[in-house]
N, C-alpha and C. Protein backbone atom coordinates (compact mmCIF):
# COMPACT_ATOMS: atom_id res chain seq x y z
N UNK A 1 -13.78 13.74 30.01
CA UNK A 1 -13.55 15.05 30.72
C UNK A 1 -15.12 15.78 30.34
N UNK A 2 -15.50 16.21 31.31
CA UNK A 2 -16.90 17.07 31.06
C UNK A 2 -16.94 18.41 30.67
N UNK A 3 -16.24 19.03 30.98
CA UNK A 3 -15.68 20.40 30.20
C UNK A 3 -15.80 20.61 28.89
N UNK A 4 -16.55 21.45 28.41
CA UNK A 4 -16.89 21.73 26.96
C UNK A 4 -16.72 23.41 26.82
N UNK A 5 -16.30 23.95 25.70
CA UNK A 5 -16.30 25.28 25.18
C UNK A 5 -17.30 25.51 24.10
N UNK A 6 -17.89 26.53 24.19
CA UNK A 6 -18.76 26.90 23.61
C UNK A 6 -18.48 27.22 22.00
N UNK A 7 -17.04 27.46 21.89
CA UNK A 7 -16.82 27.65 20.49
C UNK A 7 -16.39 26.35 19.72
N UNK A 8 -16.77 25.15 20.58
CA UNK A 8 -16.21 23.87 19.81
C UNK A 8 -17.68 23.28 19.31
N UNK A 9 -18.98 24.31 19.26
CA UNK A 9 -19.96 24.16 18.56
C UNK A 9 -19.75 24.22 17.14
N UNK A 10 -20.00 23.20 16.33
CA UNK A 10 -19.88 23.23 14.67
C UNK A 10 -20.53 24.28 14.23
N UNK A 11 -19.92 24.95 13.27
CA UNK A 11 -19.92 25.88 12.54
C UNK A 11 -20.89 25.22 11.18
N UNK A 12 -22.19 25.14 11.32
CA UNK A 12 -22.95 24.57 10.21
C UNK A 12 -22.81 25.15 8.58
N UNK A 13 -22.13 26.21 8.47
CA UNK A 13 -21.68 26.84 7.35
C UNK A 13 -20.53 26.54 6.73
N UNK A 14 -19.75 25.88 7.79
CA UNK A 14 -17.97 25.48 7.06
C UNK A 14 -18.19 24.61 6.02
N UNK A 15 -17.26 24.63 5.17
CA UNK A 15 -17.31 23.95 3.83
C UNK A 15 -16.03 23.31 4.13
N UNK A 16 -16.02 21.70 4.52
CA UNK A 16 -14.99 20.64 5.10
C UNK A 16 -14.66 19.88 3.66
N UNK A 17 -13.10 20.28 3.08
CA UNK A 17 -12.72 19.47 2.14
C UNK A 17 -12.88 17.86 2.62
N UNK A 18 -13.35 16.95 1.69
CA UNK A 18 -13.45 15.57 2.07
C UNK A 18 -12.17 14.90 2.27
N UNK A 19 -11.09 15.46 1.85
CA UNK A 19 -9.66 15.05 2.03
C UNK A 19 -9.37 15.23 3.63
N UNK A 20 -9.54 16.57 3.86
CA UNK A 20 -9.28 16.86 5.12
C UNK A 20 -10.09 16.00 6.33
N UNK A 21 -11.46 16.13 5.85
CA UNK A 21 -12.34 15.06 6.84
C UNK A 21 -11.54 13.50 6.91
N UNK A 22 -10.97 13.11 6.05
CA UNK A 22 -10.58 11.66 6.09
C UNK A 22 -9.17 11.45 6.76
N UNK A 23 -8.62 12.84 6.61
CA UNK A 23 -7.36 12.81 7.42
C UNK A 23 -7.38 12.65 8.94
N UNK A 24 -8.58 13.44 9.05
CA UNK A 24 -8.70 13.79 10.88
C UNK A 24 -9.71 12.89 11.19
N UNK A 25 -10.55 11.75 10.60
CA UNK A 25 -11.32 10.85 10.98
C UNK A 25 -10.70 9.23 10.96
N UNK A 26 -9.41 9.46 10.70
CA UNK A 26 -8.33 8.37 10.46
C UNK A 26 -8.58 7.46 12.21
N UNK A 27 -8.31 6.18 12.06
CA UNK A 27 -8.79 5.43 13.02
C UNK A 27 -7.70 5.69 14.33
N UNK A 28 -7.93 5.91 15.33
CA UNK A 28 -7.01 5.74 16.70
C UNK A 28 -6.52 7.04 16.86
N UNK A 29 -6.84 8.07 16.28
CA UNK A 29 -6.61 9.71 16.54
C UNK A 29 -7.39 9.84 17.44
N UNK A 30 -6.91 10.61 18.34
CA UNK A 30 -7.59 11.51 19.44
C UNK A 30 -7.20 12.89 19.56
N UNK A 31 -7.83 13.74 20.12
CA UNK A 31 -7.51 15.27 20.05
C UNK A 31 -7.85 16.00 21.33
N UNK A 32 -6.88 16.48 21.95
CA UNK A 32 -7.22 17.46 22.94
C UNK A 32 -6.79 19.09 22.38
N UNK A 33 -7.99 20.01 22.78
CA UNK A 33 -8.16 20.98 22.50
C UNK A 33 -8.20 22.13 23.60
N UNK A 34 -7.19 23.14 23.49
CA UNK A 34 -7.09 23.89 24.66
C UNK A 34 -7.64 25.08 23.86
N UNK A 35 -8.84 26.04 24.42
CA UNK A 35 -9.29 27.38 24.01
C UNK A 35 -10.08 27.89 25.11
N UNK A 36 -10.52 29.39 24.85
CA UNK A 36 -11.18 30.12 26.00
C UNK A 36 -12.34 30.68 24.86
N UNK A 37 -13.48 30.47 25.33
CA UNK A 37 -14.68 31.20 24.79
C UNK A 37 -14.67 32.71 24.82
N UNK A 38 -13.71 33.84 25.50
CA UNK A 38 -13.56 34.60 25.38
C UNK A 38 -12.42 35.29 24.56
N UNK A 39 -11.63 34.12 23.78
CA UNK A 39 -10.61 34.56 22.99
C UNK A 39 -10.72 34.60 21.51
N UNK A 40 -10.34 35.95 21.09
CA UNK A 40 -10.86 36.07 19.38
C UNK A 40 -10.44 34.92 18.77
N UNK A 41 -9.05 34.56 18.98
CA UNK A 41 -8.77 33.50 18.10
C UNK A 41 -9.51 32.20 18.21
N UNK A 42 -10.14 31.91 18.98
CA UNK A 42 -10.47 30.46 19.12
C UNK A 42 -12.01 30.75 18.94
N UNK A 43 -12.79 31.73 19.31
CA UNK A 43 -14.01 32.14 18.47
C UNK A 43 -13.93 32.16 17.16
N UNK A 44 -12.92 32.50 16.34
CA UNK A 44 -12.93 32.38 15.23
C UNK A 44 -12.78 31.35 14.37
N UNK A 45 -11.87 30.55 15.05
CA UNK A 45 -10.94 29.04 14.39
C UNK A 45 -11.83 27.81 15.13
N UNK A 46 -12.23 27.80 16.24
CA UNK A 46 -12.66 26.46 16.65
C UNK A 46 -14.03 26.00 15.96
N UNK A 47 -14.94 26.64 16.06
CA UNK A 47 -15.96 26.37 15.36
C UNK A 47 -15.76 25.42 13.90
N UNK A 48 -15.09 26.28 13.22
CA UNK A 48 -14.53 25.44 11.86
C UNK A 48 -14.07 24.29 12.10
N UNK A 49 -12.97 24.34 13.16
CA UNK A 49 -12.45 22.77 13.60
C UNK A 49 -13.26 21.90 13.78
N UNK A 50 -14.13 22.19 14.54
CA UNK A 50 -15.46 21.14 15.16
C UNK A 50 -16.11 20.53 13.94
N UNK A 51 -16.33 21.68 13.30
CA UNK A 51 -17.27 21.17 12.04
C UNK A 51 -16.84 20.11 11.14
N UNK A 52 -15.38 20.50 11.11
CA UNK A 52 -14.53 19.24 10.37
C UNK A 52 -14.41 17.96 11.03
N UNK A 53 -14.29 18.10 12.28
CA UNK A 53 -14.64 16.72 13.32
C UNK A 53 -15.54 16.23 13.02
N UNK A 54 -16.57 16.92 12.96
CA UNK A 54 -17.77 16.17 12.63
C UNK A 54 -18.02 15.69 11.55
N UNK A 55 -17.59 16.40 10.46
CA UNK A 55 -17.73 15.89 9.01
C UNK A 55 -16.70 14.79 8.86
N UNK A 56 -15.75 14.53 9.69
CA UNK A 56 -14.71 13.37 9.75
C UNK A 56 -15.34 12.31 10.46
N UNK A 57 -16.56 12.70 11.24
CA UNK A 57 -17.26 11.30 12.10
C UNK A 57 -16.38 11.14 13.27
N UNK A 58 -15.62 11.76 13.92
CA UNK A 58 -14.65 11.82 15.00
C UNK A 58 -15.78 11.91 16.17
N UNK A 59 -15.93 10.61 17.07
CA UNK A 59 -16.96 10.53 18.05
C UNK A 59 -16.23 11.87 18.89
N UNK A 60 -17.52 12.14 20.05
CA UNK A 60 -16.95 13.27 20.97
C UNK A 60 -15.95 12.39 22.17
N UNK A 61 -16.18 11.18 22.13
CA UNK A 61 -15.22 10.41 23.30
C UNK A 61 -13.57 10.49 22.67
N UNK A 62 -13.24 11.02 21.48
CA UNK A 62 -11.91 11.22 21.24
C UNK A 62 -11.83 12.46 20.78
N UNK A 63 -12.25 13.47 21.55
CA UNK A 63 -12.13 14.73 21.87
C UNK A 63 -12.20 15.54 23.05
N UNK A 64 -11.13 16.01 23.72
CA UNK A 64 -11.00 16.10 25.06
C UNK A 64 -10.91 17.94 24.86
N UNK A 65 -11.76 18.48 25.64
CA UNK A 65 -11.71 19.87 25.74
C UNK A 65 -11.22 20.62 26.84
N UNK A 66 -10.36 21.42 26.90
CA UNK A 66 -9.86 22.07 28.11
C UNK A 66 -10.03 23.38 27.95
N UNK A 67 -11.18 23.82 28.80
CA UNK A 67 -11.14 25.29 28.99
C UNK A 67 -10.08 26.23 29.52
N UNK A 68 -9.53 27.25 28.92
CA UNK A 68 -8.88 28.02 29.50
C UNK A 68 -9.33 29.27 30.15
N UNK A 69 -8.84 29.71 31.17
CA UNK A 69 -9.44 31.21 31.53
C UNK A 69 -8.44 32.01 31.74
N UNK A 70 -8.91 33.21 31.56
CA UNK A 70 -7.64 34.33 31.88
C UNK A 70 -7.65 34.78 33.34
N UNK A 71 -6.63 34.68 34.31
CA UNK A 71 -6.85 35.18 35.43
C UNK A 71 -5.26 35.95 35.79
N UNK A 72 -6.00 37.25 35.94
CA UNK A 72 -4.79 38.43 36.21
C UNK A 72 -3.88 38.45 35.02
N UNK A 73 -4.52 38.41 34.03
CA UNK A 73 -3.84 38.43 32.59
C UNK A 73 -2.95 37.34 32.38
N UNK A 74 -3.09 36.24 33.04
CA UNK A 74 -2.12 35.00 32.55
C UNK A 74 -3.59 33.78 32.34
N UNK A 75 -3.13 33.17 31.30
CA UNK A 75 -4.02 32.12 30.67
C UNK A 75 -3.76 30.87 31.69
N UNK A 76 -4.66 29.90 32.29
CA UNK A 76 -4.76 29.27 33.07
C UNK A 76 -5.56 28.10 32.87
N UNK A 77 -5.49 26.82 33.05
CA UNK A 77 -6.22 25.74 32.68
C UNK A 77 -5.74 24.29 32.64
N UNK A 78 -6.73 23.27 32.94
CA UNK A 78 -6.15 21.94 32.82
C UNK A 78 -5.13 21.41 31.74
N UNK A 79 -4.09 20.91 32.10
CA UNK A 79 -3.26 20.08 31.40
C UNK A 79 -2.39 21.02 30.55
N UNK A 80 -2.32 22.46 30.73
CA UNK A 80 -1.60 23.42 30.26
C UNK A 80 -0.03 23.14 30.37
N UNK A 81 0.38 22.98 31.82
CA UNK A 81 1.52 22.76 32.15
C UNK A 81 2.26 21.09 31.61
N UNK A 82 1.35 20.52 31.74
CA UNK A 82 1.54 18.86 31.29
C UNK A 82 2.08 18.87 29.94
N UNK A 83 1.28 19.71 29.08
CA UNK A 83 1.31 19.60 27.50
C UNK A 83 2.23 20.81 26.80
N UNK A 84 2.43 21.71 27.97
CA UNK A 84 3.52 23.03 27.10
C UNK A 84 2.56 23.69 26.61
N UNK A 85 1.51 23.84 26.89
CA UNK A 85 0.39 24.82 26.03
C UNK A 85 0.52 26.55 26.61
N UNK A 86 0.91 27.23 26.10
CA UNK A 86 0.97 28.54 26.34
C UNK A 86 0.29 29.54 25.64
N UNK A 87 -0.15 29.26 24.35
CA UNK A 87 -1.02 29.73 23.46
C UNK A 87 -2.15 29.19 23.04
N UNK A 88 -3.49 29.56 22.87
CA UNK A 88 -4.61 29.35 22.33
C UNK A 88 -5.24 30.07 21.23
N UNK A 89 -5.80 29.09 20.38
CA UNK A 89 -6.05 27.49 20.37
C UNK A 89 -4.94 26.90 20.15
N UNK A 90 -4.99 25.92 20.68
CA UNK A 90 -3.88 24.64 20.86
C UNK A 90 -4.93 23.40 20.37
N UNK A 91 -4.26 22.87 19.60
CA UNK A 91 -5.07 21.56 19.56
C UNK A 91 -3.90 20.60 19.28
N UNK A 92 -3.72 19.21 19.98
CA UNK A 92 -2.72 18.24 20.12
C UNK A 92 -3.37 16.84 19.72
N UNK A 93 -2.60 16.05 18.47
CA UNK A 93 -3.67 14.98 18.08
C UNK A 93 -2.52 13.98 18.38
N UNK A 94 -3.23 12.89 18.99
CA UNK A 94 -2.45 11.88 19.52
C UNK A 94 -2.93 10.56 18.73
N UNK A 95 -1.80 9.67 18.35
CA UNK A 95 -2.02 8.38 18.08
C UNK A 95 -1.32 7.49 18.66
N UNK A 96 -2.10 6.40 19.38
CA UNK A 96 -1.27 5.63 20.51
C UNK A 96 -1.04 5.98 21.40
N UNK A 97 -1.48 7.23 21.58
CA UNK A 97 -1.07 7.97 23.27
C UNK A 97 0.04 8.87 22.65
N UNK A 98 0.70 8.55 21.55
CA UNK A 98 1.94 9.55 21.17
C UNK A 98 1.42 10.96 20.41
N UNK A 99 1.88 11.95 20.90
CA UNK A 99 1.44 13.33 19.86
C UNK A 99 2.15 12.96 18.47
N UNK A 100 1.31 13.40 17.38
CA UNK A 100 1.78 13.11 16.25
C UNK A 100 1.38 14.39 15.43
N UNK A 101 0.75 15.48 16.02
CA UNK A 101 0.50 16.58 15.07
C UNK A 101 0.01 17.71 16.34
N UNK A 102 0.59 19.11 16.37
CA UNK A 102 0.02 20.03 16.85
C UNK A 102 0.05 21.56 16.36
N UNK A 103 -1.21 21.97 16.67
CA UNK A 103 -1.78 23.41 16.38
C UNK A 103 -1.55 24.47 17.08
N UNK A 104 -0.98 25.46 16.97
CA UNK A 104 -0.70 26.79 18.18
C UNK A 104 -1.27 27.70 17.62
N UNK A 105 -2.44 28.35 18.00
CA UNK A 105 -2.70 29.79 18.03
C UNK A 105 -3.28 29.70 16.42
N UNK A 106 -2.20 30.05 15.82
CA UNK A 106 -2.57 30.44 14.19
C UNK A 106 -1.60 29.72 13.04
N UNK A 107 -1.58 29.67 11.60
CA UNK A 107 -1.09 29.09 10.82
C UNK A 107 -1.41 29.57 9.28
N UNK A 108 -0.57 29.23 8.59
CA UNK A 108 -1.19 29.72 7.20
C UNK A 108 -2.64 29.58 6.69
N UNK A 109 -3.39 28.52 7.45
CA UNK A 109 -4.66 27.83 6.81
C UNK A 109 -5.49 27.63 8.40
N UNK A 110 -6.40 27.17 7.91
CA UNK A 110 -7.22 26.50 9.05
C UNK A 110 -6.92 25.59 9.96
N UNK A 111 -7.00 25.36 11.48
CA UNK A 111 -6.82 24.04 12.15
C UNK A 111 -6.87 22.98 11.49
N UNK A 112 -8.31 22.59 10.89
CA UNK A 112 -8.47 21.58 10.31
C UNK A 112 -7.34 21.09 8.99
N UNK A 113 -7.11 22.01 8.11
CA UNK A 113 -6.31 21.86 6.84
C UNK A 113 -4.98 21.37 7.53
N UNK A 114 -4.74 22.56 8.42
CA UNK A 114 -3.08 22.31 8.98
C UNK A 114 -2.68 20.96 9.46
N UNK A 115 -3.89 20.70 10.29
CA UNK A 115 -3.74 19.42 11.47
C UNK A 115 -3.67 18.26 9.84
N UNK A 116 -4.50 18.33 9.10
CA UNK A 116 -4.35 17.10 8.10
C UNK A 116 -3.27 17.04 7.21
N UNK A 117 -2.59 18.15 7.07
CA UNK A 117 -1.28 18.39 6.23
C UNK A 117 -0.44 17.79 7.18
N UNK A 118 -0.27 18.00 8.50
CA UNK A 118 0.63 17.67 9.34
C UNK A 118 0.71 15.78 9.31
N UNK A 119 -0.84 15.56 9.49
CA UNK A 119 -0.85 14.11 9.41
C UNK A 119 -0.48 13.48 8.30
N UNK A 120 -0.39 14.00 7.06
CA UNK A 120 0.06 13.57 5.84
C UNK A 120 -1.11 13.27 4.72
N UNK A 121 -2.08 14.00 5.19
CA UNK A 121 -3.38 13.83 4.64
C UNK A 121 -3.87 15.13 3.43
N UNK A 122 -2.67 15.63 2.84
CA UNK A 122 -3.11 16.80 2.25
C UNK A 122 -3.00 16.02 0.54
């Protein structure tokens, strides 16, 4: 997929926990990321997540970005119906084609730490 999100530019100031990076960088994991460059939650959270992926050494071909637009007050974007995405940012982690973790909009911690915990890498 060639579409990209400006909010997925890594935050160079992000401090990434090595254990989190190790969990995110595990072999075989792929990521699908839905967000909107107009969305405050996305602009606040996705740069740090992108920095964590970079620290984990996750190659760009294992991260698919799905830009979401706001049309007449509704969020619209590729793959939203197929994957049941209603809020952004949403990040779904896959291993061998199966969903193994999902972050939706907000949690008690940042996206990378949350997903690492879900993947058993805490």
